Amino acid sequence: MNATRICILTALGITEEGEKELFGFERCQRESESSWRCFLSRLRERGLDPSRLALVISDEHKGLAAALGEVMEDVLHQLCWAYRVRNIFKVIAKADRKAMLDGLKAIYAAFHKRAAQAAFRACRLQWVGKYPSIVQSLEEDLGQLLCHLDMPELHRKYLRTTNPIERRFLELRRRRFGCGAFANRAQSERVVFGNRKWKDKNIWLERSRKLRRTKAGALAA
């Protein structure tokens, strides 16, 4: 029997106390606007209240963005910076990558939105002549790329990408697919649901410790 590739739509929540909670996951044949709409609608039917969501972070899938706007109303939607940087690097010259990354870092790592907007203007001035479509895309999406700056300082670095959930699936693939595919649907669901990495140590406490170590190192230097 030939193995079949599937998509697993997943929603992972993080509480104000830094605890992770797996809201839900569903298998589907392909990622589409309709599949995301159905998945998000079922999360609402089970009790997920959009008014209690401070922020939603996702990649740049157009169908997901449309479904979020329809089902989750006006919740803030942060676009993943890791995806944006990778997509930019696919189309620019290798010689420009370091300078481009420096400019992008100045935007997403800014302390507040005014500083981020000033960094974007500098980036636009530097690159609009050579990469006008990239600059235009950044300008159009800047609001959604800077939503993390509306969150507490402690949370921002963690919330500007989808890396936390992507990393969990990477670990899952390493653990399972090296030995072959899942035997059946029930097995795949057991493994995904039982992934101990969904629940982890207190995220904000760990980040607070890292920030303190970084600041202490800077003062010592």
N, C-alpha and C. Protein backbone atom coordinates (compact mmCIF):
# COMPACT_ATOMS: atom_id res chain seq x y z
N MET A 1 0.84 -1.19 0.00
CA MET A 1 0.00 0.00 0.00
C MET A 1 0.88 1.25 0.00
N ASN A 2 0.56 2.20 -0.85
CA ASN A 2 1.31 3.43 -0.91
C ASN A 2 0.86 4.38 0.19
N ALA A 3 1.82 5.09 0.78
CA ALA A 3 1.49 6.08 1.81
C ALA A 3 0.91 7.33 1.15
N THR A 4 0.03 8.01 1.86
CA THR A 4 -0.59 9.23 1.37
C THR A 4 -0.21 10.39 2.28
N ARG A 5 0.25 11.46 1.68
CA ARG A 5 0.58 12.65 2.46
C ARG A 5 -0.70 13.38 2.85
N ILE A 6 -0.74 13.89 4.06
CA ILE A 6 -1.91 14.63 4.54
C ILE A 6 -1.47 15.92 5.20
N CYS A 7 -2.40 16.83 5.35
CA CYS A 7 -2.19 18.05 6.13
C CYS A 7 -2.83 17.87 7.50
N ILE A 8 -2.24 18.44 8.52
CA ILE A 8 -2.85 18.46 9.84
C ILE A 8 -2.96 19.92 10.27
N LEU A 9 -4.18 20.46 10.20
CA LEU A 9 -4.43 21.82 10.63
C LEU A 9 -4.42 21.83 12.16
N THR A 10 -3.68 22.76 12.75
CA THR A 10 -3.49 22.74 14.20
C THR A 10 -3.59 24.14 14.78
N ALA A 11 -4.22 24.24 15.95
CA ALA A 11 -4.29 25.50 16.68
C ALA A 11 -3.71 25.27 18.07
N LEU A 12 -2.65 25.99 18.38
CA LEU A 12 -1.99 25.89 19.69
C LEU A 12 -2.13 27.23 20.40
N GLY A 13 -2.64 27.21 21.61
CA GLY A 13 -2.82 28.44 22.38
C GLY A 13 -1.77 28.59 23.46
N ILE A 14 -1.50 29.84 23.85
CA ILE A 14 -0.59 30.13 24.95
C ILE A 14 -1.30 31.10 25.88
N THR A 15 -1.40 30.75 27.15
CA THR A 15 -2.12 31.58 28.11
C THR A 15 -1.23 32.72 28.61
N GLU A 16 -1.85 33.66 29.31
CA GLU A 16 -1.09 34.75 29.91
C GLU A 16 -0.07 34.23 30.92
N GLU A 17 -0.35 33.06 31.50
CA GLU A 17 0.57 32.46 32.47
C GLU A 17 1.68 31.66 31.80
N GLY A 18 1.69 31.63 30.45
CA GLY A 18 2.77 30.95 29.73
C GLY A 18 2.55 29.47 29.53
N GLU A 19 1.33 29.00 29.73
CA GLU A 19 1.03 27.58 29.54
C GLU A 19 0.48 27.34 28.14
N LYS A 20 0.93 26.26 27.51
CA LYS A 20 0.44 25.91 26.17
C LYS A 20 -0.79 25.02 26.27
N GLU A 21 -1.68 25.20 25.33
CA GLU A 21 -2.88 24.36 25.28
C GLU A 21 -3.20 24.05 23.82
N LEU A 22 -3.34 22.78 23.51
CA LEU A 22 -3.70 22.35 22.16
C LEU A 22 -5.20 22.54 21.99
N PHE A 23 -5.60 23.56 21.24
CA PHE A 23 -7.02 23.83 21.02
C PHE A 23 -7.68 22.76 20.16
N GLY A 24 -6.96 22.28 19.17
CA GLY A 24 -7.53 21.26 18.30
C GLY A 24 -6.65 21.01 17.09
N PHE A 25 -6.91 19.90 16.41
CA PHE A 25 -6.24 19.59 15.15
C PHE A 25 -7.17 18.74 14.31
N GLU A 26 -7.02 18.86 12.99
CA GLU A 26 -7.83 18.08 12.06
C GLU A 26 -7.00 17.69 10.86
N ARG A 27 -7.20 16.47 10.39
CA ARG A 27 -6.57 16.01 9.15
C ARG A 27 -7.38 16.53 7.97
N CYS A 28 -6.67 16.83 6.89
CA CYS A 28 -7.36 17.19 5.64
C CYS A 28 -6.44 16.85 4.48
N GLN A 29 -7.01 16.73 3.30
CA GLN A 29 -6.22 16.37 2.12
C GLN A 29 -5.30 17.49 1.67
N ARG A 30 -5.79 18.72 1.81
CA ARG A 30 -4.95 19.86 1.42
C ARG A 30 -5.37 21.09 2.21
N GLU A 31 -4.44 22.01 2.33
CA GLU A 31 -4.69 23.26 3.05
C GLU A 31 -5.40 24.23 2.11
N SER A 32 -6.58 24.68 2.48
CA SER A 32 -7.35 25.59 1.64
C SER A 32 -8.16 26.52 2.53
N GLU A 33 -8.75 27.55 1.92
CA GLU A 33 -9.59 28.46 2.69
C GLU A 33 -10.77 27.73 3.31
N SER A 34 -11.39 26.84 2.55
CA SER A 34 -12.56 26.14 3.07
C SER A 34 -12.19 25.21 4.22
N SER A 35 -11.03 24.54 4.12
CA SER A 35 -10.63 23.64 5.21
C SER A 35 -10.33 24.43 6.48
N TRP A 36 -9.67 25.58 6.33
CA TRP A 36 -9.41 26.42 7.50
C TRP A 36 -10.69 26.99 8.08
N ARG A 37 -11.61 27.39 7.22
CA ARG A 37 -12.87 27.95 7.71
C ARG A 37 -13.64 26.91 8.53
N CYS A 38 -13.70 25.69 8.02
CA CYS A 38 -14.41 24.63 8.75
C CYS A 38 -13.72 24.31 10.07
N PHE A 39 -12.40 24.25 10.06
CA PHE A 39 -11.64 23.95 11.27
C PHE A 39 -11.86 25.03 12.33
N LEU A 40 -11.71 26.30 11.94
CA LEU A 40 -11.88 27.40 12.88
C LEU A 40 -13.33 27.49 13.38
N SER A 41 -14.27 27.22 12.51
CA SER A 41 -15.68 27.25 12.91
C SER A 41 -15.97 26.19 13.96
N ARG A 42 -15.37 25.01 13.80
CA ARG A 42 -15.59 23.95 14.78
C ARG A 42 -14.93 24.30 16.12
N LEU A 43 -13.81 25.01 16.08
CA LEU A 43 -13.20 25.47 17.33
C LEU A 43 -14.15 26.42 18.07
N ARG A 44 -14.80 27.31 17.32
CA ARG A 44 -15.77 28.22 17.94
C ARG A 44 -16.96 27.45 18.50
N GLU A 45 -17.43 26.47 17.76
CA GLU A 45 -18.58 25.68 18.23
C GLU A 45 -18.25 24.95 19.53
N ARG A 46 -16.99 24.59 19.70
CA ARG A 46 -16.57 23.88 20.92
C ARG A 46 -16.27 24.84 22.07
N GLY A 47 -16.38 26.15 21.83
CA GLY A 47 -16.23 27.10 22.94
C GLY A 47 -15.12 28.12 22.83
N LEU A 48 -14.34 28.11 21.74
CA LEU A 48 -13.29 29.11 21.61
C LEU A 48 -13.91 30.47 21.33
N ASP A 49 -13.67 31.43 22.21
CA ASP A 49 -14.27 32.77 22.12
C ASP A 49 -13.25 33.74 21.52
N PRO A 50 -13.49 34.26 20.30
CA PRO A 50 -12.53 35.18 19.68
C PRO A 50 -12.24 36.41 20.53
N SER A 51 -13.21 36.84 21.34
CA SER A 51 -13.00 38.04 22.16
C SER A 51 -11.94 37.82 23.24
N ARG A 52 -11.62 36.56 23.52
CA ARG A 52 -10.61 36.26 24.53
C ARG A 52 -9.23 36.02 23.92
N LEU A 53 -9.13 36.14 22.61
CA LEU A 53 -7.84 35.99 21.93
C LEU A 53 -7.17 37.35 21.81
N ALA A 54 -5.96 37.46 22.28
CA ALA A 54 -5.21 38.71 22.15
C ALA A 54 -4.57 38.82 20.78
N LEU A 55 -4.17 37.68 20.21
CA LEU A 55 -3.41 37.69 18.97
C LEU A 55 -3.45 36.31 18.34
N VAL A 56 -3.49 36.27 17.00
CA VAL A 56 -3.35 35.02 16.25
C VAL A 56 -2.12 35.16 15.38
N ILE A 57 -1.23 34.16 15.41
CA ILE A 57 -0.02 34.17 14.59
C ILE A 57 -0.13 33.05 13.56
N SER A 58 0.19 33.36 12.32
CA SER A 58 0.12 32.34 11.28
C SER A 58 1.14 32.62 10.19
N ASP A 59 1.28 31.65 9.29
CA ASP A 59 2.08 31.89 8.10
C ASP A 59 1.25 32.74 7.12
N GLU A 60 1.68 32.83 5.88
CA GLU A 60 1.04 33.77 4.96
C GLU A 60 0.07 33.09 3.99
N HIS A 61 -0.48 31.96 4.38
CA HIS A 61 -1.45 31.27 3.54
C HIS A 61 -2.69 32.16 3.38
N LYS A 62 -3.01 32.51 2.14
CA LYS A 62 -4.11 33.45 1.87
C LYS A 62 -5.46 32.89 2.35
N GLY A 63 -5.65 31.59 2.19
CA GLY A 63 -6.90 30.99 2.62
C GLY A 63 -7.09 31.07 4.12
N LEU A 64 -6.00 30.86 4.87
CA LEU A 64 -6.07 30.97 6.32
C LEU A 64 -6.39 32.40 6.74
N ALA A 65 -5.75 33.36 6.10
CA ALA A 65 -6.00 34.77 6.44
C ALA A 65 -7.46 35.13 6.20
N ALA A 66 -8.02 34.68 5.08
CA ALA A 66 -9.42 34.97 4.78
C ALA A 66 -10.35 34.30 5.78
N ALA A 67 -10.06 33.04 6.13
CA ALA A 67 -10.90 32.32 7.09
C ALA A 67 -10.83 32.95 8.47
N LEU A 68 -9.66 33.40 8.88
CA LEU A 68 -9.51 34.06 10.18
C LEU A 68 -10.38 35.31 10.25
N GLY A 69 -10.32 36.13 9.20
CA GLY A 69 -11.11 37.35 9.18
C GLY A 69 -12.60 37.09 9.26
N GLU A 70 -13.03 35.98 8.68
CA GLU A 70 -14.45 35.66 8.66
C GLU A 70 -14.92 35.02 9.96
N VAL A 71 -14.13 34.07 10.48
CA VAL A 71 -14.58 33.28 11.63
C VAL A 71 -14.17 33.90 12.97
N MET A 72 -12.97 34.47 13.03
CA MET A 72 -12.46 34.99 14.29
C MET A 72 -12.62 36.51 14.41
N GLU A 73 -13.40 37.06 13.52
CA GLU A 73 -13.79 38.47 13.60
C GLU A 73 -12.58 39.39 13.51
N ASP A 74 -12.45 40.33 14.45
CA ASP A 74 -11.42 41.37 14.30
C ASP A 74 -10.20 41.14 15.20
N VAL A 75 -9.92 39.89 15.55
CA VAL A 75 -8.74 39.60 16.35
C VAL A 75 -7.48 40.01 15.59
N LEU A 76 -6.49 40.52 16.32
CA LEU A 76 -5.23 40.91 15.69
C LEU A 76 -4.57 39.68 15.07
N HIS A 77 -4.02 39.87 13.86
CA HIS A 77 -3.44 38.75 13.12
C HIS A 77 -1.99 39.08 12.77
N GLN A 78 -1.07 38.43 13.45
CA GLN A 78 0.36 38.61 13.23
C GLN A 78 0.84 37.65 12.14
N LEU A 79 1.49 38.20 11.11
CA LEU A 79 2.12 37.36 10.09
C LEU A 79 3.52 36.96 10.55
N CYS A 80 3.88 35.73 10.25
CA CYS A 80 5.15 35.17 10.71
C CYS A 80 6.34 35.83 10.01
N TRP A 81 7.25 36.37 10.81
CA TRP A 81 8.44 37.00 10.24
C TRP A 81 9.41 35.98 9.65
N ALA A 82 9.46 34.79 10.20
CA ALA A 82 10.37 33.77 9.66
C ALA A 82 9.98 33.42 8.23
N TYR A 83 8.67 33.26 7.98
CA TYR A 83 8.20 32.99 6.62
C TYR A 83 8.52 34.16 5.70
N ARG A 84 8.29 35.37 6.18
CA ARG A 84 8.53 36.54 5.33
C ARG A 84 9.99 36.64 4.94
N VAL A 85 10.89 36.46 5.89
CA VAL A 85 12.32 36.55 5.59
C VAL A 85 12.74 35.45 4.61
N ARG A 86 12.26 34.23 4.83
CA ARG A 86 12.61 33.14 3.91
C ARG A 86 12.10 33.42 2.50
N ASN A 87 10.90 33.93 2.39
CA ASN A 87 10.34 34.24 1.06
C ASN A 87 11.13 35.35 0.37
N ILE A 88 11.58 36.33 1.14
CA ILE A 88 12.38 37.41 0.57
C ILE A 88 13.73 36.86 0.09
N PHE A 89 14.34 36.00 0.88
CA PHE A 89 15.64 35.45 0.53
C PHE A 89 15.59 34.59 -0.73
N LYS A 90 14.43 34.06 -1.06
CA LYS A 90 14.31 33.25 -2.27
C LYS A 90 14.48 34.07 -3.55
N VAL A 91 14.22 35.37 -3.48
CA VAL A 91 14.19 36.18 -4.70
C VAL A 91 15.26 37.26 -4.77
N ILE A 92 16.02 37.46 -3.70
CA ILE A 92 17.04 38.49 -3.77
C ILE A 92 18.41 37.86 -4.01
N ALA A 93 19.35 38.66 -4.43
CA ALA A 93 20.71 38.18 -4.68
C ALA A 93 21.37 37.80 -3.36
N LYS A 94 22.19 36.76 -3.38
CA LYS A 94 22.86 36.31 -2.17
C LYS A 94 23.72 37.43 -1.56
N ALA A 95 24.28 38.24 -2.43
CA ALA A 95 25.15 39.31 -1.94
C ALA A 95 24.38 40.35 -1.13
N ASP A 96 23.05 40.40 -1.31
CA ASP A 96 22.24 41.39 -0.61
C ASP A 96 21.61 40.86 0.68
N ARG A 97 21.78 39.58 0.95
CA ARG A 97 21.03 38.97 2.06
C ARG A 97 21.39 39.55 3.42
N LYS A 98 22.67 39.73 3.70
CA LYS A 98 23.06 40.23 5.02
C LYS A 98 22.52 41.64 5.24
N ALA A 99 22.70 42.50 4.26
CA ALA A 99 22.22 43.87 4.42
C ALA A 99 20.69 43.91 4.54
N MET A 100 20.02 43.07 3.74
CA MET A 100 18.57 43.02 3.82
C MET A 100 18.13 42.52 5.19
N LEU A 101 18.77 41.48 5.69
CA LEU A 101 18.41 40.93 7.00
C LEU A 101 18.62 41.96 8.10
N ASP A 102 19.70 42.72 8.01
CA ASP A 102 19.95 43.76 9.00
C ASP A 102 18.80 44.78 9.01
N GLY A 103 18.33 45.14 7.82
CA GLY A 103 17.23 46.09 7.73
C GLY A 103 15.93 45.52 8.27
N LEU A 104 15.67 44.25 7.98
CA LEU A 104 14.45 43.61 8.46
C LEU A 104 14.49 43.44 9.98
N LYS A 105 15.65 43.08 10.51
CA LYS A 105 15.79 42.93 11.97
C LYS A 105 15.50 44.25 12.68
N ALA A 106 15.95 45.34 12.08
CA ALA A 106 15.70 46.65 12.68
C ALA A 106 14.20 46.93 12.77
N ILE A 107 13.43 46.37 11.84
CA ILE A 107 11.98 46.55 11.85
C ILE A 107 11.34 45.67 12.91
N TYR A 108 11.55 44.35 12.82
CA TYR A 108 10.78 43.45 13.70
C TYR A 108 11.30 43.41 15.14
N ALA A 109 12.55 43.82 15.36
CA ALA A 109 13.09 43.81 16.72
C ALA A 109 13.03 45.18 17.38
N ALA A 110 12.36 46.13 16.73
CA ALA A 110 12.24 47.48 17.30
C ALA A 110 11.49 47.43 18.62
N PHE A 111 11.74 48.41 19.48
CA PHE A 111 11.13 48.42 20.81
C PHE A 111 9.68 48.86 20.77
N HIS A 112 9.32 49.69 19.79
CA HIS A 112 7.94 50.13 19.66
C HIS A 112 7.64 50.40 18.19
N LYS A 113 6.37 50.64 17.89
CA LYS A 113 5.95 50.75 16.49
C LYS A 113 6.54 51.95 15.78
N ARG A 114 6.71 53.05 16.47
CA ARG A 114 7.30 54.23 15.81
C ARG A 114 8.71 53.93 15.33
N ALA A 115 9.47 53.24 16.16
CA ALA A 115 10.83 52.86 15.77
C ALA A 115 10.79 51.86 14.61
N ALA A 116 9.85 50.93 14.65
CA ALA A 116 9.72 49.94 13.57
C ALA A 116 9.35 50.63 12.26
N GLN A 117 8.45 51.59 12.31
CA GLN A 117 8.05 52.30 11.11
C GLN A 117 9.20 53.14 10.56
N ALA A 118 9.99 53.73 11.46
CA ALA A 118 11.16 54.48 11.01
C ALA A 118 12.18 53.55 10.35
N ALA A 119 12.34 52.33 10.93
CA ALA A 119 13.26 51.36 10.35
C ALA A 119 12.76 50.90 8.98
N PHE A 120 11.44 50.76 8.84
CA PHE A 120 10.90 50.38 7.54
C PHE A 120 11.17 51.47 6.50
N ARG A 121 11.01 52.73 6.88
CA ARG A 121 11.26 53.82 5.93
C ARG A 121 12.71 53.80 5.46
N ALA A 122 13.64 53.50 6.37
CA ALA A 122 15.06 53.40 5.99
C ALA A 122 15.27 52.22 5.04
N CYS A 123 14.59 51.10 5.34
CA CYS A 123 14.69 49.92 4.48
C CYS A 123 14.11 50.21 3.10
N ARG A 124 13.00 50.89 3.06
CA ARG A 124 12.38 51.23 1.78
C ARG A 124 13.31 52.11 0.96
N LEU A 125 13.90 53.10 1.58
CA LEU A 125 14.81 53.99 0.88
C LEU A 125 16.00 53.23 0.31
N GLN A 126 16.47 52.23 1.05
CA GLN A 126 17.65 51.47 0.61
C GLN A 126 17.34 50.52 -0.54
N TRP A 127 16.12 49.92 -0.55
CA TRP A 127 15.87 48.81 -1.46
C TRP A 127 14.78 49.04 -2.51
N VAL A 128 14.06 50.13 -2.44
CA VAL A 128 12.93 50.28 -3.35
C VAL A 128 13.36 50.31 -4.82
N GLY A 129 14.55 50.82 -5.09
CA GLY A 129 15.02 50.87 -6.47
C GLY A 129 15.36 49.50 -7.02
N LYS A 130 15.91 48.62 -6.18
CA LYS A 130 16.35 47.30 -6.64
C LYS A 130 15.28 46.23 -6.48
N TYR A 131 14.49 46.32 -5.41
CA TYR A 131 13.46 45.31 -5.14
C TYR A 131 12.11 45.98 -4.84
N PRO A 132 11.53 46.64 -5.82
CA PRO A 132 10.29 47.38 -5.56
C PRO A 132 9.12 46.51 -5.11
N SER A 133 9.01 45.30 -5.64
CA SER A 133 7.87 44.45 -5.26
C SER A 133 7.99 43.98 -3.81
N ILE A 134 9.21 43.72 -3.35
CA ILE A 134 9.43 43.32 -1.96
C ILE A 134 9.07 44.47 -1.03
N VAL A 135 9.53 45.65 -1.37
CA VAL A 135 9.24 46.83 -0.55
C VAL A 135 7.74 47.10 -0.51
N GLN A 136 7.08 46.97 -1.64
CA GLN A 136 5.63 47.19 -1.70
C GLN A 136 4.88 46.18 -0.83
N SER A 137 5.30 44.92 -0.89
CA SER A 137 4.66 43.89 -0.08
C SER A 137 4.85 44.15 1.40
N LEU A 138 6.06 44.56 1.80
CA LEU A 138 6.31 44.89 3.19
C LEU A 138 5.43 46.05 3.65
N GLU A 139 5.31 47.05 2.79
CA GLU A 139 4.51 48.22 3.15
C GLU A 139 3.03 47.85 3.30
N GLU A 140 2.54 47.03 2.39
CA GLU A 140 1.13 46.62 2.45
C GLU A 140 0.82 45.79 3.68
N ASP A 141 1.78 44.97 4.11
CA ASP A 141 1.53 44.04 5.22
C ASP A 141 2.11 44.53 6.54
N LEU A 142 2.65 45.74 6.57
CA LEU A 142 3.38 46.19 7.75
C LEU A 142 2.52 46.14 9.01
N GLY A 143 1.26 46.50 8.90
CA GLY A 143 0.39 46.46 10.07
C GLY A 143 0.33 45.08 10.69
N GLN A 144 0.18 44.05 9.85
CA GLN A 144 0.09 42.68 10.37
C GLN A 144 1.45 42.12 10.76
N LEU A 145 2.52 42.70 10.25
CA LEU A 145 3.85 42.25 10.63
C LEU A 145 4.31 42.85 11.96
N LEU A 146 3.60 43.88 12.43
CA LEU A 146 4.02 44.57 13.65
C LEU A 146 3.04 44.39 14.80
N CYS A 147 2.07 43.49 14.66
CA CYS A 147 1.10 43.28 15.75
C CYS A 147 1.78 42.83 17.04
N HIS A 148 2.89 42.10 16.92
CA HIS A 148 3.56 41.62 18.14
C HIS A 148 4.03 42.77 19.02
N LEU A 149 4.22 43.95 18.44
CA LEU A 149 4.67 45.09 19.23
C LEU A 149 3.56 45.68 20.10
N ASP A 150 2.33 45.23 19.89
CA ASP A 150 1.23 45.61 20.78
C ASP A 150 1.18 44.74 22.03
N MET A 151 1.97 43.69 22.05
CA MET A 151 1.99 42.76 23.17
C MET A 151 3.05 43.16 24.19
N PRO A 152 3.00 42.60 25.41
CA PRO A 152 4.03 42.91 26.41
C PRO A 152 5.44 42.61 25.89
N GLU A 153 6.40 43.41 26.32
CA GLU A 153 7.77 43.26 25.84
C GLU A 153 8.29 41.83 26.01
N LEU A 154 7.95 41.20 27.13
CA LEU A 154 8.42 39.86 27.41
C LEU A 154 7.96 38.85 26.37
N HIS A 155 6.80 39.10 25.74
CA HIS A 155 6.20 38.12 24.84
C HIS A 155 6.59 38.31 23.37
N ARG A 156 7.10 39.46 23.02
CA ARG A 156 7.18 39.85 21.61
C ARG A 156 8.03 38.91 20.75
N LYS A 157 9.22 38.57 21.21
CA LYS A 157 10.10 37.74 20.39
C LYS A 157 9.46 36.38 20.12
N TYR A 158 8.75 35.85 21.10
CA TYR A 158 8.11 34.55 20.95
C TYR A 158 6.91 34.61 20.01
N LEU A 159 6.26 35.78 19.92
CA LEU A 159 5.01 35.90 19.17
C LEU A 159 5.18 36.40 17.74
N ARG A 160 6.37 36.70 17.32
CA ARG A 160 6.51 37.28 15.98
C ARG A 160 6.70 36.22 14.89
N THR A 161 6.77 34.95 15.27
CA THR A 161 6.88 33.88 14.29
C THR A 161 5.99 32.70 14.70
N THR A 162 5.83 31.77 13.77
CA THR A 162 5.13 30.51 14.09
C THR A 162 6.13 29.42 14.46
N ASN A 163 7.36 29.78 14.75
CA ASN A 163 8.40 28.78 15.03
C ASN A 163 8.03 27.81 16.16
N PRO A 164 7.37 28.28 17.24
CA PRO A 164 7.04 27.33 18.32
C PRO A 164 6.22 26.13 17.84
N ILE A 165 5.22 26.35 17.01
CA ILE A 165 4.41 25.23 16.54
C ILE A 165 5.12 24.48 15.41
N GLU A 166 5.86 25.19 14.57
CA GLU A 166 6.61 24.53 13.50
C GLU A 166 7.66 23.58 14.09
N ARG A 167 8.28 24.01 15.17
CA ARG A 167 9.32 23.19 15.79
C ARG A 167 8.74 21.89 16.34
N ARG A 168 7.52 21.97 16.87
CA ARG A 168 6.89 20.77 17.41
C ARG A 168 6.63 19.74 16.30
N PHE A 169 6.18 20.22 15.15
CA PHE A 169 5.93 19.29 14.04
C PHE A 169 7.23 18.75 13.47
N LEU A 170 8.28 19.55 13.47
CA LEU A 170 9.58 19.07 13.01
C LEU A 170 10.05 17.92 13.89
N GLU A 171 9.89 18.08 15.21
CA GLU A 171 10.28 17.03 16.14
C GLU A 171 9.42 15.78 15.95
N LEU A 172 8.14 16.01 15.67
CA LEU A 172 7.24 14.89 15.44
C LEU A 172 7.63 14.11 14.19
N ARG A 173 7.97 14.83 13.11
CA ARG A 173 8.38 14.16 11.87
C ARG A 173 9.68 13.39 12.07
N ARG A 174 10.60 13.97 12.80
CA ARG A 174 11.87 13.28 13.05
C ARG A 174 11.65 11.98 13.82
N ARG A 175 10.73 12.05 14.76
CA ARG A 175 10.49 10.91 15.63
C ARG A 175 9.76 9.78 14.93
N ARG A 176 8.81 10.13 14.03
CA ARG A 176 7.95 9.13 13.44
C ARG A 176 8.33 8.73 12.01
N PHE A 177 8.61 9.70 11.18
CA PHE A 177 8.73 9.39 9.76
C PHE A 177 10.05 8.73 9.41
N GLY A 178 11.02 8.79 10.30
CA GLY A 178 12.25 8.05 10.05
C GLY A 178 12.01 6.56 10.03
N CYS A 179 10.94 6.12 10.71
CA CYS A 179 10.60 4.69 10.77
C CYS A 179 9.47 4.34 9.81
N GLY A 180 9.07 5.28 8.97
CA GLY A 180 7.98 5.01 8.04
C GLY A 180 6.76 5.82 8.36
N ALA A 181 5.71 5.65 7.58
CA ALA A 181 4.48 6.42 7.74
C ALA A 181 3.63 5.85 8.88
N PHE A 182 2.60 6.60 9.25
CA PHE A 182 1.64 6.09 10.22
C PHE A 182 0.89 4.91 9.61
N ALA A 183 0.53 3.95 10.45
CA ALA A 183 -0.18 2.77 9.97
C ALA A 183 -1.60 3.10 9.53
N ASN A 184 -2.25 4.01 10.24
CA ASN A 184 -3.64 4.35 9.93
C ASN A 184 -3.98 5.69 10.56
N ARG A 185 -5.21 6.12 10.32
CA ARG A 185 -5.65 7.42 10.80
C ARG A 185 -5.64 7.49 12.33
N ALA A 186 -6.11 6.44 12.97
CA ALA A 186 -6.18 6.44 14.43
C ALA A 186 -4.79 6.59 15.05
N GLN A 187 -3.80 5.93 14.45
CA GLN A 187 -2.45 6.03 14.99
C GLN A 187 -1.91 7.45 14.84
N SER A 188 -2.13 8.07 13.68
CA SER A 188 -1.62 9.42 13.47
C SER A 188 -2.25 10.39 14.48
N GLU A 189 -3.55 10.22 14.75
CA GLU A 189 -4.22 11.11 15.70
C GLU A 189 -3.73 10.88 17.12
N ARG A 190 -3.47 9.64 17.47
CA ARG A 190 -2.94 9.36 18.81
C ARG A 190 -1.58 10.00 19.01
N VAL A 191 -0.74 9.90 17.99
CA VAL A 191 0.62 10.43 18.10
C VAL A 191 0.60 11.96 18.18
N VAL A 192 -0.21 12.60 17.32
CA VAL A 192 -0.28 14.06 17.33
C VAL A 192 -0.85 14.54 18.66
N PHE A 193 -1.94 13.96 19.10
CA PHE A 193 -2.58 14.39 20.34
C PHE A 193 -1.69 14.11 21.54
N GLY A 194 -0.96 12.99 21.50
CA GLY A 194 -0.15 12.62 22.63
C GLY A 194 1.24 13.22 22.65
N ASN A 195 1.53 14.08 21.70
CA ASN A 195 2.86 14.70 21.64
C ASN A 195 3.10 15.52 22.90
N ARG A 196 4.00 15.05 23.75
CA ARG A 196 4.23 15.73 25.03
C ARG A 196 4.76 17.15 24.86
N LYS A 197 5.27 17.46 23.67
CA LYS A 197 5.85 18.78 23.45
C LYS A 197 4.79 19.87 23.34
N TRP A 198 3.49 19.49 23.19
CA TRP A 198 2.47 20.54 23.16
C TRP A 198 2.48 21.28 24.49
N LYS A 199 2.65 20.52 25.58
CA LYS A 199 2.72 21.15 26.90
C LYS A 199 4.17 21.19 27.31
N ASP A 200 4.59 22.33 27.80
CA ASP A 200 6.00 22.52 28.08
C ASP A 200 6.13 23.40 29.32
N LYS A 201 7.35 23.77 29.63
CA LYS A 201 7.59 24.67 30.75
C LYS A 201 6.94 26.02 30.51
N ASN A 202 6.82 26.81 31.57
CA ASN A 202 6.23 28.14 31.49
C ASN A 202 7.05 28.99 30.52
N ILE A 203 6.43 29.34 29.38
CA ILE A 203 7.14 30.06 28.32
C ILE A 203 7.62 31.41 28.81
N TRP A 204 6.76 32.17 29.47
CA TRP A 204 7.12 33.54 29.86
C TRP A 204 8.16 33.54 30.98
N LEU A 205 8.09 32.56 31.88
CA LEU A 205 9.10 32.46 32.93
C LEU A 205 10.47 32.18 32.33
N GLU A 206 10.51 31.27 31.36
CA GLU A 206 11.77 30.95 30.70
C GLU A 206 12.32 32.16 29.94
N ARG A 207 11.43 32.88 29.25
CA ARG A 207 11.88 34.07 28.53
C ARG A 207 12.38 35.14 29.49
N SER A 208 11.72 35.29 30.63
CA SER A 208 12.15 36.27 31.62
C SER A 208 13.56 35.96 32.11
N ARG A 209 13.83 34.68 32.33
CA ARG A 209 15.18 34.29 32.76
C ARG A 209 16.21 34.61 31.69
N LYS A 210 15.88 34.34 30.43
CA LYS A 210 16.80 34.62 29.34
C LYS A 210 17.08 36.11 29.22
N LEU A 211 16.03 36.94 29.37
CA LEU A 211 16.21 38.38 29.29
C LEU A 211 17.11 38.88 30.42
N ARG A 212 16.92 38.34 31.61
CA ARG A 212 17.75 38.76 32.74
C ARG A 212 19.21 38.39 32.51
N ARG A 213 19.43 37.17 31.95
CA ARG A 213 20.81 36.76 31.66
C ARG A 213 21.44 37.65 30.59
N THR A 214 20.64 38.01 29.57
CA THR A 214 21.15 38.87 28.50
C THR A 214 21.52 40.24 29.02
N LYS A 215 20.63 40.83 29.85
CA LYS A 215 20.90 42.15 30.40
C LYS A 215 22.10 42.13 31.35
N ALA A 216 22.21 41.05 32.14
CA ALA A 216 23.35 40.94 33.04
C ALA A 216 24.65 40.83 32.25
N GLY A 217 24.64 40.09 31.15
CA GLY A 217 25.81 39.97 30.31
C GLY A 217 26.20 41.29 29.68
N ALA A 218 25.19 42.07 29.26
CA ALA A 218 25.47 43.38 28.66
C ALA A 218 26.08 44.32 29.68
N LEU A 219 25.57 44.29 30.92
CA LEU A 219 26.12 45.17 31.95
C LEU A 219 27.56 44.77 32.30
N ALA A 220 27.81 43.46 32.33
CA ALA A 220 29.15 42.98 32.64
C ALA A 220 30.16 43.39 31.56
N ALA A 221 29.69 43.39 30.31
CA ALA A 221 30.57 43.76 29.21
C ALA A 221 30.92 45.24 29.28
